Amino acid sequence: MPKKKKLHIKKDDLVLVLSGKDRGRQGVVLEIYPKKERAVVEGVHFIKRHLRPNQMGQGGIVEREGTIHISNLKKIDR
């Protein structure tokens, strides 16, 4: 059985993005995916999702936060 890795950040931590297109930006961690070693950070790394219209008639292109690898994040003291 593989060992469970200890992550250095948790939900609701304030983090700094160390690399990528959003380098230098700060945000609060919204979600953590420990098995994939990825996190969703508020206001950082937006992606576009193309949604099929539903019965309410809503669809189109929606922007939301994508995941970032945890190695690209640094915890900041508040």
PDB file of N, CA and C in Angstrom:
ATOM      1  N   MET A   1       0.843  -1.180   0.000  1.00  0.00           N
ATOM      2  CA  MET A   1       0.000   0.000   0.000  1.00  0.00           C
ATOM      3  C   MET A   1       0.892   1.248   0.000  1.00  0.00           C
ATOM      4  N   PRO A   2       0.642   2.207  -0.931  1.00  0.00           N
ATOM      5  CA  PRO A   2       1.493   3.390  -0.991  1.00  0.00           C
ATOM      6  C   PRO A   2       1.340   4.275   0.236  1.00  0.00           C
ATOM      7  N   LYS A   3       2.445   4.947   0.580  1.00  0.00           N
ATOM      8  CA  LYS A   3       2.430   5.850   1.723  1.00  0.00           C
ATOM      9  C   LYS A   3       1.633   7.102   1.394  1.00  0.00           C
ATOM     10  N   LYS A   4       0.887   7.598   2.375  1.00  0.00           N
ATOM     11  CA  LYS A   4       0.129   8.826   2.182  1.00  0.00           C
ATOM     12  C   LYS A   4       1.069  10.006   2.375  1.00  0.00           C
ATOM     13  N   LYS A   5       1.107  10.920   1.386  1.00  0.00           N
ATOM     14  CA  LYS A   5       2.009  12.056   1.454  1.00  0.00           C
ATOM     15  C   LYS A   5       1.418  13.157   2.316  1.00  0.00           C
ATOM     16  N   LYS A   6       2.267  13.809   3.070  1.00  0.00           N
ATOM     17  CA  LYS A   6       1.865  14.935   3.907  1.00  0.00           C
ATOM     18  C   LYS A   6       2.012  16.199   3.074  1.00  0.00           C
ATOM     19  N   LEU A   7       0.922  16.943   2.917  1.00  0.00           N
ATOM     20  CA  LEU A   7       0.945  18.162   2.117  1.00  0.00           C
ATOM     21  C   LEU A   7       1.247  19.361   2.994  1.00  0.00           C
ATOM     22  N   HIS A   8       1.951  20.346   2.441  1.00  0.00           N
ATOM     23  CA  HIS A   8       2.348  21.513   3.226  1.00  0.00           C
ATOM     24  C   HIS A   8       1.295  22.623   3.222  1.00  0.00           C
ATOM     25  N   ILE A   9       0.235  22.461   2.437  1.00  0.00           N
ATOM     26  CA  ILE A   9      -0.845  23.452   2.464  1.00  0.00           C
ATOM     27  C   ILE A   9      -2.171  22.765   2.724  1.00  0.00           C
ATOM     28  N   LYS A  10      -3.119  23.532   3.243  1.00  0.00           N
ATOM     29  CA  LYS A  10      -4.451  23.020   3.558  1.00  0.00           C
ATOM     30  C   LYS A  10      -5.491  23.976   3.012  1.00  0.00           C
ATOM     31  N   LYS A  11      -6.736  23.569   3.078  1.00  0.00           N
ATOM     32  CA  LYS A  11      -7.837  24.420   2.668  1.00  0.00           C
ATOM     33  C   LYS A  11      -7.854  25.691   3.537  1.00  0.00           C
ATOM     34  N   ASP A  12      -8.193  26.818   2.939  1.00  0.00           N
ATOM     35  CA  ASP A  12      -8.280  28.138   3.586  1.00  0.00           C
ATOM     36  C   ASP A  12      -6.920  28.753   3.912  1.00  0.00           C
ATOM     37  N   ASP A  13      -5.804  28.178   3.445  1.00  0.00           N
ATOM     38  CA  ASP A  13      -4.490  28.799   3.606  1.00  0.00           C
ATOM     39  C   ASP A  13      -4.312  29.887   2.553  1.00  0.00           C
ATOM     40  N   LEU A  14      -3.570  30.933   2.895  1.00  0.00           N
ATOM     41  CA  LEU A  14      -3.185  31.961   1.937  1.00  0.00           C
ATOM     42  C   LEU A  14      -1.889  31.509   1.287  1.00  0.00           C
ATOM     43  N   VAL A  15      -1.865  31.450  -0.058  1.00  0.00           N
ATOM     44  CA  VAL A  15      -0.693  30.947  -0.767  1.00  0.00           C
ATOM     45  C   VAL A  15      -0.228  31.934  -1.834  1.00  0.00           C
ATOM     46  N   LEU A  16       1.035  31.775  -2.224  1.00  0.00           N
ATOM     47  CA  LEU A  16       1.660  32.549  -3.289  1.00  0.00           C
ATOM     48  C   LEU A  16       2.012  31.585  -4.409  1.00  0.00           C
ATOM     49  N   VAL A  17       1.701  31.967  -5.653  1.00  0.00           N
ATOM     50  CA  VAL A  17       2.028  31.133  -6.805  1.00  0.00           C
ATOM     51  C   VAL A  17       3.472  31.406  -7.203  1.00  0.00           C
ATOM     52  N   LEU A  18       4.292  30.351  -7.272  1.00  0.00           N
ATOM     53  CA  LEU A  18       5.724  30.487  -7.523  1.00  0.00           C
ATOM     54  C   LEU A  18       6.094  30.421  -8.999  1.00  0.00           C
ATOM     55  N   SER A  19       5.304  29.737  -9.820  1.00  0.00           N
ATOM     56  CA  SER A  19       5.667  29.619 -11.229  1.00  0.00           C
ATOM     57  C   SER A  19       4.417  29.515 -12.090  1.00  0.00           C
ATOM     58  N   GLY A  20       4.601  29.733 -13.371  1.00  0.00           N
ATOM     59  CA  GLY A  20       3.492  29.681 -14.317  1.00  0.00           C
ATOM     60  C   GLY A  20       3.014  31.068 -14.693  1.00  0.00           C
ATOM     61  N   LYS A  21       1.925  31.127 -15.442  1.00  0.00           N
ATOM     62  CA  LYS A  21       1.433  32.412 -15.936  1.00  0.00           C
ATOM     63  C   LYS A  21       0.910  33.319 -14.823  1.00  0.00           C
ATOM     64  N   ASP A  22       0.577  32.752 -13.681  1.00  0.00           N
ATOM     65  CA  ASP A  22       0.056  33.530 -12.555  1.00  0.00           C
ATOM     66  C   ASP A  22       1.101  33.733 -11.456  1.00  0.00           C
ATOM     67  N   ARG A  23       2.392  33.666 -11.805  1.00  0.00           N
ATOM     68  CA  ARG A  23       3.472  33.809 -10.826  1.00  0.00           C
ATOM     69  C   ARG A  23       3.352  35.134 -10.086  1.00  0.00           C
ATOM     70  N   GLY A  24       3.489  35.082  -8.756  1.00  0.00           N
ATOM     71  CA  GLY A  24       3.444  36.287  -7.940  1.00  0.00           C
ATOM     72  C   GLY A  24       2.061  36.617  -7.408  1.00  0.00           C
ATOM     73  N   ARG A  25       1.027  35.939  -7.883  1.00  0.00           N
ATOM     74  CA  ARG A  25      -0.326  36.218  -7.409  1.00  0.00           C
ATOM     75  C   ARG A  25      -0.602  35.438  -6.125  1.00  0.00           C
ATOM     76  N   GLN A  26      -1.481  36.000  -5.299  1.00  0.00           N
ATOM     77  CA  GLN A  26      -1.850  35.369  -4.032  1.00  0.00           C
ATOM     78  C   GLN A  26      -3.324  35.013  -4.060  1.00  0.00           C
ATOM     79  N   GLY A  27      -3.685  34.013  -3.272  1.00  0.00           N
ATOM     80  CA  GLY A  27      -5.076  33.615  -3.168  1.00  0.00           C
ATOM     81  C   GLY A  27      -5.268  32.629  -2.037  1.00  0.00           C
ATOM     82  N   VAL A  28      -6.524  32.349  -1.752  1.00  0.00           N
ATOM     83  CA  VAL A  28      -6.898  31.410  -0.695  1.00  0.00           C
ATOM     84  C   VAL A  28      -7.210  30.061  -1.337  1.00  0.00           C
ATOM     85  N   VAL A  29      -6.749  28.987  -0.728  1.00  0.00           N
ATOM     86  CA  VAL A  29      -6.984  27.638  -1.242  1.00  0.00           C
ATOM     87  C   VAL A  29      -8.440  27.267  -1.008  1.00  0.00           C
ATOM     88  N   LEU A  30      -9.139  26.914  -2.098  1.00  0.00           N
ATOM     89  CA  LEU A  30     -10.546  26.527  -2.016  1.00  0.00           C
ATOM     90  C   LEU A  30     -10.722  25.019  -1.869  1.00  0.00           C
ATOM     91  N   GLU A  31      -9.916  24.253  -2.601  1.00  0.00           N
ATOM     92  CA  GLU A  31     -10.010  22.793  -2.567  1.00  0.00           C
ATOM     93  C   GLU A  31      -8.617  22.193  -2.698  1.00  0.00           C
ATOM     94  N   ILE A  32      -8.466  20.973  -2.157  1.00  0.00           N
ATOM     95  CA  ILE A  32      -7.206  20.222  -2.256  1.00  0.00           C
ATOM     96  C   ILE A  32      -7.520  18.834  -2.802  1.00  0.00           C
ATOM     97  N   TYR A  33      -6.692  18.359  -3.725  1.00  0.00           N
ATOM     98  CA  TYR A  33      -6.801  16.998  -4.246  1.00  0.00           C
ATOM     99  C   TYR A  33      -5.492  16.280  -3.917  1.00  0.00           C
ATOM    100  N   PRO A  34      -5.409  15.629  -2.740  1.00  0.00           N
ATOM    101  CA  PRO A  34      -4.142  15.041  -2.275  1.00  0.00           C
ATOM    102  C   PRO A  34      -3.595  13.941  -3.184  1.00  0.00           C
ATOM    103  N   LYS A  35      -4.439  13.110  -3.764  1.00  0.00           N
ATOM    104  CA  LYS A  35      -3.943  12.019  -4.608  1.00  0.00           C
ATOM    105  C   LYS A  35      -3.282  12.553  -5.869  1.00  0.00           C
ATOM    106  N   LYS A  36      -3.799  13.654  -6.394  1.00  0.00           N
ATOM    107  CA  LYS A  36      -3.227  14.252  -7.599  1.00  0.00           C
ATOM    108  C   LYS A  36      -2.193  15.322  -7.269  1.00  0.00           C
ATOM    109  N   GLU A  37      -2.071  15.673  -5.986  1.00  0.00           N
ATOM    110  CA  GLU A  37      -1.173  16.729  -5.501  1.00  0.00           C
ATOM    111  C   GLU A  37      -1.459  18.057  -6.198  1.00  0.00           C
ATOM    112  N   ARG A  38      -2.742  18.423  -6.260  1.00  0.00           N
ATOM    113  CA  ARG A  38      -3.160  19.659  -6.907  1.00  0.00           C
ATOM    114  C   ARG A  38      -4.117  20.418  -5.994  1.00  0.00           C
ATOM    115  N   ALA A  39      -4.244  21.734  -6.245  1.00  0.00           N
ATOM    116  CA  ALA A  39      -5.108  22.581  -5.430  1.00  0.00           C
ATOM    117  C   ALA A  39      -5.814  23.595  -6.325  1.00  0.00           C
ATOM    118  N   VAL A  40      -6.987  24.049  -5.873  1.00  0.00           N
ATOM    119  CA  VAL A  40      -7.722  25.122  -6.535  1.00  0.00           C
ATOM    120  C   VAL A  40      -7.545  26.362  -5.671  1.00  0.00           C
ATOM    121  N   VAL A  41      -7.045  27.449  -6.275  1.00  0.00           N
ATOM    122  CA  VAL A  41      -6.771  28.689  -5.552  1.00  0.00           C
ATOM    123  C   VAL A  41      -7.701  29.775  -6.084  1.00  0.00           C
ATOM    124  N   GLU A  42      -8.311  30.522  -5.174  1.00  0.00           N
ATOM    125  CA  GLU A  42      -9.271  31.554  -5.531  1.00  0.00           C
ATOM    126  C   GLU A  42      -8.603  32.662  -6.363  1.00  0.00           C
ATOM    127  N   GLY A  43      -9.178  32.944  -7.529  1.00  0.00           N
ATOM    128  CA  GLY A  43      -8.710  34.033  -8.371  1.00  0.00           C
ATOM    129  C   GLY A  43      -7.444  33.764  -9.167  1.00  0.00           C
ATOM    130  N   VAL A  44      -7.005  32.506  -9.229  1.00  0.00           N
ATOM    131  CA  VAL A  44      -5.757  32.166  -9.917  1.00  0.00           C
ATOM    132  C   VAL A  44      -6.020  31.036 -10.908  1.00  0.00           C
ATOM    133  N   HIS A  45      -5.353  31.075 -12.069  1.00  0.00           N
ATOM    134  CA  HIS A  45      -5.401  30.034 -13.097  1.00  0.00           C
ATOM    135  C   HIS A  45      -6.832  29.780 -13.588  1.00  0.00           C
ATOM    136  N   PHE A  46      -7.384  30.758 -14.287  1.00  0.00           N
ATOM    137  CA  PHE A  46      -8.730  30.603 -14.830  1.00  0.00           C
ATOM    138  C   PHE A  46      -8.698  29.764 -16.102  1.00  0.00           C
ATOM    139  N   ILE A  47      -9.690  28.873 -16.220  1.00  0.00           N
ATOM    140  CA  ILE A  47      -9.858  28.062 -17.418  1.00  0.00           C
ATOM    141  C   ILE A  47     -11.262  28.307 -17.955  1.00  0.00           C
ATOM    142  N   LYS A  48     -11.467  28.012 -19.222  1.00  0.00           N
ATOM    143  CA  LYS A  48     -12.776  28.189 -19.842  1.00  0.00           C
ATOM    144  C   LYS A  48     -13.405  26.824 -20.075  1.00  0.00           C
ATOM    145  N   ARG A  49     -14.649  26.666 -19.616  1.00  0.00           N
ATOM    146  CA  ARG A  49     -15.404  25.437 -19.805  1.00  0.00           C
ATOM    147  C   ARG A  49     -16.550  25.724 -20.767  1.00  0.00           C
ATOM    148  N   HIS A  50     -16.714  24.884 -21.777  1.00  0.00           N
ATOM    149  CA  HIS A  50     -17.807  25.025 -22.725  1.00  0.00           C
ATOM    150  C   HIS A  50     -18.950  24.133 -22.247  1.00  0.00           C
ATOM    151  N   LEU A  51     -20.047  24.752 -21.867  1.00  0.00           N
ATOM    152  CA  LEU A  51     -21.172  24.015 -21.297  1.00  0.00           C
ATOM    153  C   LEU A  51     -22.313  23.907 -22.299  1.00  0.00           C
ATOM    154  N   ARG A  52     -22.889  22.731 -22.372  1.00  0.00           N
ATOM    155  CA  ARG A  52     -24.048  22.481 -23.212  1.00  0.00           C
ATOM    156  C   ARG A  52     -25.271  23.125 -22.553  1.00  0.00           C
ATOM    157  N   PRO A  53     -26.163  23.740 -23.316  1.00  0.00           N
ATOM    158  CA  PRO A  53     -27.355  24.341 -22.708  1.00  0.00           C
ATOM    159  C   PRO A  53     -28.224  23.287 -22.009  1.00  0.00           C
ATOM    160  N   ASN A  54     -28.761  23.650 -20.847  1.00  0.00           N
ATOM    161  CA  ASN A  54     -29.647  22.745 -20.120  1.00  0.00           C
ATOM    162  C   ASN A  54     -31.100  23.184 -20.346  1.00  0.00           C
ATOM    163  N   GLN A  55     -32.036  22.611 -19.623  1.00  0.00           N
ATOM    164  CA  GLN A  55     -33.453  22.929 -19.812  1.00  0.00           C
ATOM    165  C   GLN A  55     -33.767  24.378 -19.468  1.00  0.00           C
ATOM    166  N   MET A  56     -32.980  24.981 -18.614  1.00  0.00           N
ATOM    167  CA  MET A  56     -33.193  26.378 -18.250  1.00  0.00           C
ATOM    168  C   MET A  56     -32.686  27.313 -19.358  1.00  0.00           C
ATOM    169  N   GLY A  57     -31.978  26.756 -20.342  1.00  0.00           N
ATOM    170  CA  GLY A  57     -31.475  27.550 -21.445  1.00  0.00           C
ATOM    171  C   GLY A  57     -30.088  28.118 -21.202  1.00  0.00           C
ATOM    172  N   GLN A  58     -29.477  27.787 -20.056  1.00  0.00           N
ATOM    173  CA  GLN A  58     -28.165  28.324 -19.749  1.00  0.00           C
ATOM    174  C   GLN A  58     -27.085  27.409 -20.311  1.00  0.00           C
ATOM    175  N   GLY A  59     -26.117  28.006 -20.921  1.00  0.00           N
ATOM    176  CA  GLY A  59     -24.991  27.272 -21.483  1.00  0.00           C
ATOM    177  C   GLY A  59     -23.955  28.281 -21.915  1.00  0.00           C
ATOM    178  N   GLY A  60     -23.040  27.871 -22.758  1.00  0.00           N
ATOM    179  CA  GLY A  60     -22.038  28.790 -23.268  1.00  0.00           C
ATOM    180  C   GLY A  60     -20.686  28.548 -22.643  1.00  0.00           C
ATOM    181  N   ILE A  61     -19.858  29.598 -22.626  1.00  0.00           N
ATOM    182  CA  ILE A  61     -18.494  29.494 -22.128  1.00  0.00           C
ATOM    183  C   ILE A  61     -18.422  30.112 -20.737  1.00  0.00           C
ATOM    184  N   VAL A  62     -17.971  29.331 -19.762  1.00  0.00           N
ATOM    185  CA  VAL A  62     -17.905  29.760 -18.368  1.00  0.00           C
ATOM    186  C   VAL A  62     -16.447  29.735 -17.921  1.00  0.00           C
ATOM    187  N   GLU A  63     -15.991  30.799 -17.263  1.00  0.00           N
ATOM    188  CA  GLU A  63     -14.639  30.819 -16.707  1.00  0.00           C
ATOM    189  C   GLU A  63     -14.689  30.437 -15.238  1.00  0.00           C
ATOM    190  N   ARG A  64     -13.730  29.610 -14.819  1.00  0.00           N
ATOM    191  CA  ARG A  64     -13.617  29.231 -13.408  1.00  0.00           C
ATOM    192  C   ARG A  64     -12.167  28.889 -13.104  1.00  0.00           C
ATOM    193  N   GLU A  65     -11.865  28.717 -11.821  1.00  0.00           N
ATOM    194  CA  GLU A  65     -10.503  28.399 -11.423  1.00  0.00           C
ATOM    195  C   GLU A  65     -10.148  26.963 -11.775  1.00  0.00           C
ATOM    196  N   GLY A  66      -8.941  26.772 -12.271  1.00  0.00           N
ATOM    197  CA  GLY A  66      -8.427  25.440 -12.541  1.00  0.00           C
ATOM    198  C   GLY A  66      -7.506  25.005 -11.411  1.00  0.00           C
ATOM    199  N   THR A  67      -6.954  23.809 -11.536  1.00  0.00           N
ATOM    200  CA  THR A  67      -6.061  23.304 -10.488  1.00  0.00           C
ATOM    201  C   THR A  67      -4.612  23.692 -10.776  1.00  0.00           C
ATOM    202  N   ILE A  68      -3.835  23.795  -9.710  1.00  0.00           N
ATOM    203  CA  ILE A  68      -2.414  24.107  -9.788  1.00  0.00           C
ATOM    204  C   ILE A  68      -1.674  23.037  -8.993  1.00  0.00           C
ATOM    205  N   HIS A  69      -0.524  22.610  -9.486  1.00  0.00           N
ATOM    206  CA  HIS A  69       0.254  21.614  -8.748  1.00  0.00           C
ATOM    207  C   HIS A  69       0.772  22.240  -7.453  1.00  0.00           C
ATOM    208  N   ILE A  70       0.754  21.465  -6.385  1.00  0.00           N
ATOM    209  CA  ILE A  70       1.111  21.968  -5.057  1.00  0.00           C
ATOM    210  C   ILE A  70       2.569  22.423  -4.985  1.00  0.00           C
ATOM    211  N   SER A  71       3.435  21.861  -5.823  1.00  0.00           N
ATOM    212  CA  SER A  71       4.842  22.273  -5.803  1.00  0.00           C
ATOM    213  C   SER A  71       5.017  23.715  -6.288  1.00  0.00           C
ATOM    214  N   ASN A  72       4.020  24.268  -6.956  1.00  0.00           N
ATOM    215  CA  ASN A  72       4.086  25.641  -7.447  1.00  0.00           C
ATOM    216  C   ASN A  72       3.476  26.639  -6.465  1.00  0.00           C
ATOM    217  N   LEU A  73       3.123  26.188  -5.271  1.00  0.00           N
ATOM    218  CA  LEU A  73       2.487  27.049  -4.266  1.00  0.00           C
ATOM    219  C   LEU A  73       3.366  27.154  -3.016  1.00  0.00           C
ATOM    220  N   LYS A  74       3.329  28.335  -2.394  1.00  0.00           N
ATOM    221  CA  LYS A  74       4.059  28.558  -1.143  1.00  0.00           C
ATOM    222  C   LYS A  74       3.097  29.173  -0.139  1.00  0.00           C
ATOM    223  N   LYS A  75       3.046  28.602   1.050  1.00  0.00           N
ATOM    224  CA  LYS A  75       2.162  29.099   2.104  1.00  0.00           C
ATOM    225  C   LYS A  75       2.687  30.427   2.629  1.00  0.00           C
ATOM    226  N   ILE A  76       1.760  31.387   2.876  1.00  0.00           N
ATOM    227  CA  ILE A  76       2.115  32.707   3.381  1.00  0.00           C
ATOM    228  C   ILE A  76       1.412  32.905   4.718  1.00  0.00           C
ATOM    229  N   ASP A  77       2.135  33.527   5.678  1.00  0.00           N
ATOM    230  CA  ASP A  77       1.513  33.854   6.960  1.00  0.00           C
ATOM    231  C   ASP A  77       0.596  35.047   6.777  1.00  0.00           C
ATOM    232  N   ARG A  78      -0.525  35.035   7.472  1.00  0.00           N
ATOM    233  CA  ARG A  78      -1.486  36.130   7.356  1.00  0.00           C
ATOM    234  C   ARG A  78      -1.145  37.223   8.288  1.00  0.00           C
TER     235      ARG A  78
END
